Amino acid sequence: MVLASRKLALVLLAGFVLLATGCGSNNKGKIEGKWKITGFPEKTTASTKADMTKMSEAGMYIYLEFKADGGLAFGLGTDKPELLQLLKASAPNQKITWDAKYKLSSGDGVEISDMPKDMQAGGGLFGQKDRARVKVKITGDQMALTDEQGVTTLTKIP
C-alpha cells in the first residue's frame, strides 16, 4: 500500500513538473521595455495608414511600454523634445499616454486588458475592445504582434 502511494505521488509530481514547464512564456524577460510601432496590420484602414505616415514624416511615433509589474502604457512619442512639448500642449487635457495591463500566457501568448475607453472608441490598435489576446514573437530588438487585424511590427527603443 505504501509503495503504491509513493508511485502515485511520484507520478503526480512528474505531471505537475511537466505542466509547469509546458506553460512557460517565450516572452518572459524579453517583452519589458518601450517598443515603437514601425508597421501596422494588414487590416488597418487607408486613412489610419495615411495619418501614421504623416506622423512618421513629422518625427512622431506610437509606442507600447511593457512594464515589469504587468502595466502597459500606450503613447505618442518623438525624439525631438520641442515636438514632444507641442504634442502635449495640443492634446486634449495634455494627455499623450494611456494605461492598460498585460499578462504573459504560455508560448507566445499575451493578454492585454483594461484598455482605456477613449482608445476603444476610436477603434484603437486592438479595435473597440477592452481586452485582446495577441501572439508576440520577439527576435532581438524586433517584435511581431499578431491579432485578428494582422501583424503589427515594433522595434525596441533603447
N, C-alpha and C. Protein backbone atom coordinates (compact mmCIF):
# COMPACT_ATOMS: atom_id res chain seq x y z
N MET A 1 0.81 -1.19 0.00
CA MET A 1 0.00 0.00 0.00
C MET A 1 0.86 1.26 0.00
N VAL A 2 1.92 1.27 0.83
CA VAL A 2 2.82 2.42 0.91
C VAL A 2 3.55 2.60 -0.42
N LEU A 3 3.96 1.50 -1.04
CA LEU A 3 4.66 1.55 -2.32
C LEU A 3 3.75 2.14 -3.40
N ALA A 4 2.49 1.74 -3.41
CA ALA A 4 1.53 2.27 -4.39
C ALA A 4 1.33 3.77 -4.18
N SER A 5 1.26 4.22 -2.93
CA SER A 5 1.09 5.65 -2.63
C SER A 5 2.30 6.45 -3.09
N ARG A 6 3.49 5.89 -2.90
CA ARG A 6 4.71 6.58 -3.32
C ARG A 6 4.76 6.69 -4.84
N LYS A 7 4.37 5.62 -5.54
CA LYS A 7 4.36 5.66 -7.01
C LYS A 7 3.37 6.70 -7.50
N LEU A 8 2.19 6.75 -6.89
CA LEU A 8 1.17 7.72 -7.27
C LEU A 8 1.68 9.14 -7.02
N ALA A 9 2.32 9.36 -5.89
CA ALA A 9 2.87 10.68 -5.56
C ALA A 9 3.94 11.08 -6.57
N LEU A 10 4.79 10.13 -6.95
CA LEU A 10 5.85 10.40 -7.92
C LEU A 10 5.26 10.73 -9.29
N VAL A 11 4.24 10.00 -9.71
CA VAL A 11 3.59 10.26 -10.99
C VAL A 11 2.93 11.64 -10.98
N LEU A 12 2.24 11.98 -9.89
CA LEU A 12 1.60 13.29 -9.78
C LEU A 12 2.63 14.41 -9.80
N LEU A 13 3.73 14.22 -9.09
CA LEU A 13 4.79 15.23 -9.06
C LEU A 13 5.38 15.42 -10.45
N ALA A 14 5.64 14.34 -11.15
CA ALA A 14 6.17 14.42 -12.52
C ALA A 14 5.19 15.15 -13.43
N GLY A 15 3.91 14.86 -13.26
CA GLY A 15 2.88 15.53 -14.06
C GLY A 15 2.85 17.02 -13.81
N PHE A 16 2.95 17.44 -12.55
CA PHE A 16 2.97 18.87 -12.23
C PHE A 16 4.20 19.56 -12.80
N VAL A 17 5.33 18.89 -12.75
CA VAL A 17 6.56 19.46 -13.31
C VAL A 17 6.41 19.66 -14.81
N LEU A 18 5.89 18.65 -15.51
CA LEU A 18 5.67 18.78 -16.95
C LEU A 18 4.68 19.88 -17.27
N LEU A 19 3.62 19.99 -16.50
CA LEU A 19 2.61 21.01 -16.70
C LEU A 19 3.22 22.40 -16.50
N ALA A 20 4.00 22.56 -15.47
CA ALA A 20 4.61 23.86 -15.18
C ALA A 20 5.59 24.28 -16.26
N THR A 21 6.38 23.36 -16.76
CA THR A 21 7.34 23.72 -17.80
C THR A 21 6.66 23.95 -19.14
N GLY A 22 5.55 23.31 -19.39
CA GLY A 22 4.83 23.49 -20.65
C GLY A 22 4.07 24.79 -20.73
N CYS A 23 3.83 25.46 -19.60
CA CYS A 23 3.03 26.69 -19.57
C CYS A 23 3.89 27.94 -19.57
N GLY A 24 5.18 27.83 -19.73
CA GLY A 24 6.05 29.00 -19.68
C GLY A 24 5.87 29.91 -20.87
N SER A 25 6.16 31.18 -20.65
CA SER A 25 6.06 32.18 -21.72
C SER A 25 7.40 32.29 -22.45
N ASN A 26 7.33 32.40 -23.76
CA ASN A 26 8.52 32.63 -24.56
C ASN A 26 9.00 34.08 -24.43
N ASN A 27 8.17 34.95 -23.84
CA ASN A 27 8.46 36.38 -23.80
C ASN A 27 8.93 36.89 -22.44
N LYS A 28 8.98 35.99 -21.45
CA LYS A 28 9.39 36.39 -20.11
C LYS A 28 10.81 36.96 -20.16
N GLY A 29 10.96 38.18 -19.63
CA GLY A 29 12.27 38.83 -19.61
C GLY A 29 12.66 39.50 -20.91
N LYS A 30 11.87 39.33 -21.99
CA LYS A 30 12.19 39.94 -23.28
C LYS A 30 11.23 41.06 -23.65
N ILE A 31 10.00 40.99 -23.16
CA ILE A 31 8.96 41.93 -23.59
C ILE A 31 9.06 43.28 -22.88
N GLU A 32 9.64 43.30 -21.69
CA GLU A 32 9.70 44.52 -20.91
C GLU A 32 10.50 45.59 -21.65
N GLY A 33 9.98 46.81 -21.61
CA GLY A 33 10.65 47.94 -22.25
C GLY A 33 9.70 48.68 -23.16
N LYS A 34 10.25 49.66 -23.86
CA LYS A 34 9.48 50.54 -24.73
C LYS A 34 9.69 50.11 -26.18
N TRP A 35 8.57 49.93 -26.92
CA TRP A 35 8.60 49.44 -28.29
C TRP A 35 7.88 50.43 -29.21
N LYS A 36 8.56 50.88 -30.25
CA LYS A 36 7.99 51.81 -31.22
C LYS A 36 7.32 51.03 -32.35
N ILE A 37 6.09 51.41 -32.69
CA ILE A 37 5.39 50.76 -33.80
C ILE A 37 6.02 51.22 -35.10
N THR A 38 6.44 50.26 -35.91
CA THR A 38 7.07 50.56 -37.20
C THR A 38 6.24 50.08 -38.39
N GLY A 39 5.25 49.24 -38.13
CA GLY A 39 4.39 48.75 -39.20
C GLY A 39 3.04 48.33 -38.66
N PHE A 40 1.98 48.72 -39.35
CA PHE A 40 0.63 48.43 -38.89
C PHE A 40 0.05 47.20 -39.58
N PRO A 41 -0.95 46.57 -38.95
CA PRO A 41 -1.54 45.35 -39.50
C PRO A 41 -2.17 45.56 -40.88
N GLU A 42 -2.31 44.48 -41.58
CA GLU A 42 -2.86 44.49 -42.93
C GLU A 42 -4.26 45.11 -42.99
N LYS A 43 -5.06 44.92 -41.96
CA LYS A 43 -6.44 45.40 -41.97
C LYS A 43 -6.60 46.84 -41.48
N THR A 44 -5.49 47.57 -41.31
CA THR A 44 -5.55 48.97 -40.93
C THR A 44 -6.16 49.76 -42.08
N THR A 45 -7.05 50.69 -41.76
CA THR A 45 -7.71 51.47 -42.80
C THR A 45 -6.71 52.38 -43.52
N ALA A 46 -7.04 52.73 -44.75
CA ALA A 46 -6.17 53.59 -45.55
C ALA A 46 -5.98 54.95 -44.88
N SER A 47 -7.04 55.50 -44.29
CA SER A 47 -6.92 56.81 -43.64
C SER A 47 -6.00 56.74 -42.42
N THR A 48 -6.08 55.65 -41.65
CA THR A 48 -5.20 55.50 -40.50
C THR A 48 -3.76 55.34 -40.96
N LYS A 49 -3.54 54.57 -42.02
CA LYS A 49 -2.18 54.42 -42.55
C LYS A 49 -1.64 55.76 -43.02
N ALA A 50 -2.48 56.57 -43.66
CA ALA A 50 -2.05 57.89 -44.12
C ALA A 50 -1.69 58.79 -42.93
N ASP A 51 -2.51 58.74 -41.87
CA ASP A 51 -2.22 59.52 -40.67
C ASP A 51 -0.89 59.08 -40.04
N MET A 52 -0.66 57.77 -39.99
CA MET A 52 0.57 57.26 -39.40
C MET A 52 1.79 57.65 -40.24
N THR A 53 1.63 57.69 -41.55
CA THR A 53 2.73 58.10 -42.43
C THR A 53 3.06 59.56 -42.18
N LYS A 54 2.02 60.41 -42.05
CA LYS A 54 2.25 61.84 -41.76
C LYS A 54 2.95 62.01 -40.41
N MET A 55 2.51 61.24 -39.40
CA MET A 55 3.16 61.30 -38.09
C MET A 55 4.63 60.95 -38.19
N SER A 56 4.92 59.87 -38.91
CA SER A 56 6.30 59.40 -39.06
C SER A 56 7.15 60.45 -39.77
N GLU A 57 6.59 61.05 -40.81
CA GLU A 57 7.32 62.08 -41.54
C GLU A 57 7.62 63.30 -40.66
N ALA A 58 6.74 63.57 -39.69
CA ALA A 58 6.94 64.69 -38.77
C ALA A 58 7.87 64.33 -37.62
N GLY A 59 8.27 63.06 -37.52
CA GLY A 59 9.18 62.63 -36.46
C GLY A 59 8.48 62.10 -35.23
N MET A 60 7.19 61.73 -35.36
CA MET A 60 6.43 61.19 -34.23
C MET A 60 6.18 59.70 -34.44
N TYR A 61 5.86 59.02 -33.35
CA TYR A 61 5.54 57.60 -33.42
C TYR A 61 4.63 57.22 -32.26
N ILE A 62 4.05 56.04 -32.39
CA ILE A 62 3.24 55.45 -31.32
C ILE A 62 4.09 54.36 -30.68
N TYR A 63 4.04 54.28 -29.35
CA TYR A 63 4.81 53.24 -28.68
C TYR A 63 3.95 52.48 -27.69
N LEU A 64 4.43 51.29 -27.35
CA LEU A 64 3.87 50.47 -26.27
C LEU A 64 5.01 50.24 -25.29
N GLU A 65 4.74 50.47 -24.01
CA GLU A 65 5.76 50.22 -22.99
C GLU A 65 5.25 49.14 -22.05
N PHE A 66 5.89 47.98 -22.10
CA PHE A 66 5.54 46.85 -21.24
C PHE A 66 6.37 46.97 -19.96
N LYS A 67 5.70 47.09 -18.83
CA LYS A 67 6.39 47.27 -17.56
C LYS A 67 6.49 45.93 -16.82
N ALA A 68 7.50 45.79 -15.99
CA ALA A 68 7.74 44.53 -15.27
C ALA A 68 6.59 44.15 -14.33
N ASP A 69 5.83 45.14 -13.87
CA ASP A 69 4.72 44.86 -12.95
C ASP A 69 3.42 44.50 -13.64
N GLY A 70 3.43 44.33 -14.97
CA GLY A 70 2.23 43.98 -15.71
C GLY A 70 1.48 45.19 -16.25
N GLY A 71 2.02 46.37 -16.02
CA GLY A 71 1.42 47.59 -16.57
C GLY A 71 1.83 47.76 -18.02
N LEU A 72 0.96 48.39 -18.79
CA LEU A 72 1.22 48.64 -20.21
C LEU A 72 0.82 50.08 -20.50
N ALA A 73 1.72 50.84 -21.11
CA ALA A 73 1.42 52.21 -21.50
C ALA A 73 1.44 52.30 -23.02
N PHE A 74 0.42 52.96 -23.57
CA PHE A 74 0.37 53.31 -24.99
C PHE A 74 0.67 54.80 -25.04
N GLY A 75 1.46 55.26 -25.99
CA GLY A 75 1.73 56.68 -26.02
C GLY A 75 2.19 57.18 -27.37
N LEU A 76 2.22 58.51 -27.46
CA LEU A 76 2.78 59.19 -28.62
C LEU A 76 4.17 59.64 -28.22
N GLY A 77 5.14 59.42 -29.07
CA GLY A 77 6.50 59.78 -28.76
C GLY A 77 7.19 60.45 -29.92
N THR A 78 8.32 61.01 -29.63
CA THR A 78 9.18 61.64 -30.62
C THR A 78 10.59 61.75 -30.04
N ASP A 79 11.56 61.84 -30.90
CA ASP A 79 12.94 62.02 -30.44
C ASP A 79 13.29 63.50 -30.34
N LYS A 80 12.32 64.38 -30.66
CA LYS A 80 12.54 65.83 -30.64
C LYS A 80 11.82 66.44 -29.44
N PRO A 81 12.56 66.89 -28.42
CA PRO A 81 11.94 67.43 -27.20
C PRO A 81 10.94 68.55 -27.46
N GLU A 82 11.25 69.45 -28.40
CA GLU A 82 10.34 70.56 -28.69
C GLU A 82 9.02 70.06 -29.30
N LEU A 83 9.08 69.02 -30.10
CA LEU A 83 7.88 68.44 -30.68
C LEU A 83 7.06 67.72 -29.61
N LEU A 84 7.72 67.09 -28.65
CA LEU A 84 7.02 66.43 -27.55
C LEU A 84 6.22 67.45 -26.74
N GLN A 85 6.81 68.62 -26.48
CA GLN A 85 6.09 69.68 -25.76
C GLN A 85 4.89 70.17 -26.56
N LEU A 86 5.05 70.30 -27.86
CA LEU A 86 3.96 70.72 -28.74
C LEU A 86 2.84 69.68 -28.74
N LEU A 87 3.22 68.40 -28.79
CA LEU A 87 2.23 67.32 -28.73
C LEU A 87 1.40 67.40 -27.45
N LYS A 88 2.08 67.54 -26.33
CA LYS A 88 1.39 67.61 -25.04
C LYS A 88 0.47 68.82 -24.98
N ALA A 89 0.96 69.96 -25.45
CA ALA A 89 0.17 71.20 -25.38
C ALA A 89 -1.08 71.13 -26.27
N SER A 90 -0.99 70.43 -27.39
CA SER A 90 -2.13 70.40 -28.31
C SER A 90 -3.07 69.22 -28.07
N ALA A 91 -2.68 68.29 -27.24
CA ALA A 91 -3.52 67.11 -26.96
C ALA A 91 -4.65 67.49 -25.99
N PRO A 92 -5.83 66.87 -26.16
CA PRO A 92 -6.91 67.13 -25.20
C PRO A 92 -6.45 66.78 -23.78
N ASN A 93 -6.58 67.70 -22.85
CA ASN A 93 -6.16 67.53 -21.46
C ASN A 93 -4.66 67.22 -21.34
N GLN A 94 -3.87 67.58 -22.35
CA GLN A 94 -2.42 67.34 -22.39
C GLN A 94 -2.07 65.86 -22.20
N LYS A 95 -2.98 65.00 -22.61
CA LYS A 95 -2.78 63.56 -22.41
C LYS A 95 -2.26 62.91 -23.70
N ILE A 96 -1.04 62.33 -23.60
CA ILE A 96 -0.47 61.62 -24.76
C ILE A 96 -0.09 60.18 -24.41
N THR A 97 -0.47 59.73 -23.21
CA THR A 97 -0.26 58.32 -22.83
C THR A 97 -1.54 57.76 -22.23
N TRP A 98 -1.73 56.47 -22.40
CA TRP A 98 -2.89 55.75 -21.88
C TRP A 98 -2.40 54.47 -21.23
N ASP A 99 -3.01 54.09 -20.12
CA ASP A 99 -2.57 52.91 -19.38
C ASP A 99 -3.50 51.73 -19.56
N ALA A 100 -2.93 50.55 -19.57
CA ALA A 100 -3.66 49.27 -19.64
C ALA A 100 -2.83 48.27 -18.84
N LYS A 101 -3.17 47.00 -18.99
CA LYS A 101 -2.43 45.93 -18.32
C LYS A 101 -2.14 44.82 -19.33
N TYR A 102 -1.15 44.01 -19.00
CA TYR A 102 -0.87 42.82 -19.83
C TYR A 102 -0.49 41.67 -18.93
N LYS A 103 -0.67 40.47 -19.46
CA LYS A 103 -0.30 39.26 -18.74
C LYS A 103 0.25 38.27 -19.75
N LEU A 104 1.40 37.71 -19.43
CA LEU A 104 2.00 36.71 -20.31
C LEU A 104 1.25 35.39 -20.17
N SER A 105 1.03 34.74 -21.30
CA SER A 105 0.41 33.42 -21.33
C SER A 105 1.46 32.42 -21.78
N SER A 106 1.06 31.18 -21.97
CA SER A 106 2.02 30.18 -22.42
C SER A 106 2.46 30.45 -23.85
N GLY A 107 3.67 30.03 -24.15
CA GLY A 107 4.20 30.21 -25.50
C GLY A 107 4.36 31.68 -25.85
N ASP A 108 3.80 32.09 -26.98
CA ASP A 108 3.89 33.47 -27.45
C ASP A 108 2.68 34.30 -27.06
N GLY A 109 1.76 33.75 -26.28
CA GLY A 109 0.52 34.45 -25.94
C GLY A 109 0.70 35.59 -24.95
N VAL A 110 -0.03 36.66 -25.19
CA VAL A 110 -0.08 37.81 -24.28
C VAL A 110 -1.53 38.29 -24.25
N GLU A 111 -2.05 38.52 -23.06
CA GLU A 111 -3.40 39.05 -22.91
C GLU A 111 -3.30 40.50 -22.46
N ILE A 112 -3.95 41.39 -23.20
CA ILE A 112 -3.97 42.81 -22.88
C ILE A 112 -5.36 43.13 -22.37
N SER A 113 -5.44 43.87 -21.25
CA SER A 113 -6.74 44.16 -20.65
C SER A 113 -6.81 45.59 -20.13
N ASP A 114 -8.00 45.97 -19.70
CA ASP A 114 -8.26 47.30 -19.14
C ASP A 114 -7.84 48.42 -20.08
N MET A 115 -8.17 48.25 -21.37
CA MET A 115 -7.82 49.28 -22.33
C MET A 115 -8.67 50.52 -22.10
N PRO A 116 -8.07 51.69 -22.23
CA PRO A 116 -8.80 52.94 -21.98
C PRO A 116 -9.99 53.11 -22.91
N LYS A 117 -11.06 53.66 -22.37
CA LYS A 117 -12.30 53.86 -23.14
C LYS A 117 -12.07 54.74 -24.36
N ASP A 118 -11.26 55.80 -24.22
CA ASP A 118 -11.05 56.69 -25.37
C ASP A 118 -10.28 56.00 -26.50
N MET A 119 -9.47 55.00 -26.19
CA MET A 119 -8.79 54.23 -27.24
C MET A 119 -9.77 53.28 -27.91
N GLN A 120 -10.68 52.70 -27.14
CA GLN A 120 -11.67 51.78 -27.70
C GLN A 120 -12.61 52.51 -28.64
N ALA A 121 -13.02 53.72 -28.26
CA ALA A 121 -13.98 54.48 -29.05
C ALA A 121 -13.46 54.78 -30.45
N GLY A 122 -12.16 55.03 -30.55
CA GLY A 122 -11.58 55.35 -31.85
C GLY A 122 -11.18 54.12 -32.65
N GLY A 123 -11.42 52.95 -32.15
CA GLY A 123 -11.03 51.74 -32.86
C GLY A 123 -9.70 51.21 -32.36
N GLY A 124 -8.80 52.11 -31.99
CA GLY A 124 -7.53 51.73 -31.39
C GLY A 124 -6.76 50.65 -32.11
N LEU A 125 -5.66 50.27 -31.53
CA LEU A 125 -4.80 49.25 -32.10
C LEU A 125 -5.48 47.88 -32.10
N PHE A 126 -6.32 47.62 -31.11
CA PHE A 126 -6.96 46.31 -30.99
C PHE A 126 -8.47 46.39 -31.23
N GLY A 127 -8.90 47.38 -31.96
CA GLY A 127 -10.33 47.53 -32.23
C GLY A 127 -11.05 48.13 -31.04
N GLN A 128 -12.34 47.94 -31.00
CA GLN A 128 -13.16 48.55 -29.95
C GLN A 128 -13.39 47.57 -28.81
N LYS A 129 -12.28 47.07 -28.28
CA LYS A 129 -12.36 46.06 -27.22
C LYS A 129 -11.63 46.50 -25.97
N ASP A 130 -12.09 45.99 -24.83
CA ASP A 130 -11.45 46.25 -23.55
C ASP A 130 -10.30 45.28 -23.32
N ARG A 131 -10.33 44.16 -24.04
CA ARG A 131 -9.38 43.07 -23.81
C ARG A 131 -9.01 42.45 -25.15
N ALA A 132 -7.76 42.02 -25.28
CA ALA A 132 -7.31 41.38 -26.51
C ALA A 132 -6.30 40.29 -26.18
N ARG A 133 -6.36 39.22 -26.94
CA ARG A 133 -5.35 38.16 -26.85
C ARG A 133 -4.54 38.25 -28.13
N VAL A 134 -3.22 38.35 -27.96
CA VAL A 134 -2.34 38.50 -29.10
C VAL A 134 -1.20 37.49 -29.01
N LYS A 135 -0.54 37.32 -30.12
CA LYS A 135 0.65 36.48 -30.18
C LYS A 135 1.84 37.42 -30.37
N VAL A 136 2.84 37.29 -29.53
CA VAL A 136 4.01 38.16 -29.59
C VAL A 136 5.25 37.31 -29.83
N LYS A 137 5.95 37.63 -30.90
CA LYS A 137 7.20 36.94 -31.24
C LYS A 137 8.32 37.98 -31.22
N ILE A 138 9.30 37.77 -30.35
CA ILE A 138 10.40 38.72 -30.20
C ILE A 138 11.70 38.08 -30.68
N THR A 139 12.38 38.79 -31.58
CA THR A 139 13.68 38.36 -32.07
C THR A 139 14.62 39.55 -31.95
N GLY A 140 15.50 39.51 -30.98
CA GLY A 140 16.41 40.63 -30.75
C GLY A 140 15.64 41.86 -30.33
N ASP A 141 15.79 42.94 -31.12
CA ASP A 141 15.07 44.18 -30.81
C ASP A 141 13.85 44.37 -31.71
N GLN A 142 13.38 43.29 -32.31
CA GLN A 142 12.20 43.33 -33.18
C GLN A 142 11.06 42.52 -32.57
N MET A 143 9.84 43.05 -32.66
CA MET A 143 8.66 42.37 -32.15
C MET A 143 7.61 42.29 -33.26
N ALA A 144 6.98 41.14 -33.37
CA ALA A 144 5.82 40.96 -34.26
C ALA A 144 4.64 40.64 -33.36
N LEU A 145 3.63 41.51 -33.35
CA LEU A 145 2.45 41.34 -32.53
C LEU A 145 1.30 41.00 -33.46
N THR A 146 0.73 39.81 -33.31
CA THR A 146 -0.29 39.33 -34.23
C THR A 146 -1.63 39.19 -33.54
N ASP A 147 -2.68 39.74 -34.18
CA ASP A 147 -4.06 39.55 -33.73
C ASP A 147 -4.93 39.40 -34.96
N GLU A 148 -6.25 39.51 -34.79
CA GLU A 148 -7.14 39.29 -35.93
C GLU A 148 -7.03 40.38 -36.99
N GLN A 149 -6.40 41.51 -36.66
CA GLN A 149 -6.19 42.58 -37.64
C GLN A 149 -4.97 42.30 -38.53
N GLY A 150 -4.07 41.43 -38.07
CA GLY A 150 -2.86 41.13 -38.82
C GLY A 150 -1.64 41.29 -37.92
N VAL A 151 -0.52 41.62 -38.51
CA VAL A 151 0.75 41.71 -37.79
C VAL A 151 1.16 43.18 -37.64
N THR A 152 1.42 43.58 -36.40
CA THR A 152 1.97 44.90 -36.11
C THR A 152 3.44 44.68 -35.79
N THR A 153 4.33 45.45 -36.43
CA THR A 153 5.76 45.31 -36.16
C THR A 153 6.22 46.46 -35.26
N LEU A 154 7.13 46.13 -34.36
CA LEU A 154 7.67 47.11 -33.42
C LEU A 154 9.17 46.93 -33.29
N THR A 155 9.85 48.02 -32.95
CA THR A 155 11.28 48.00 -32.71
C THR A 155 11.53 48.53 -31.30
N LYS A 156 12.38 47.87 -30.56
CA LYS A 156 12.67 48.27 -29.18
C LYS A 156 13.41 49.60 -29.18
N ILE A 157 12.96 50.50 -28.29
CA ILE A 157 13.61 51.79 -28.14
C ILE A 157 14.65 51.66 -27.03
N PRO A 158 15.91 51.98 -27.34
CA PRO A 158 16.96 51.84 -26.31
C PRO A 158 16.76 52.78 -25.13
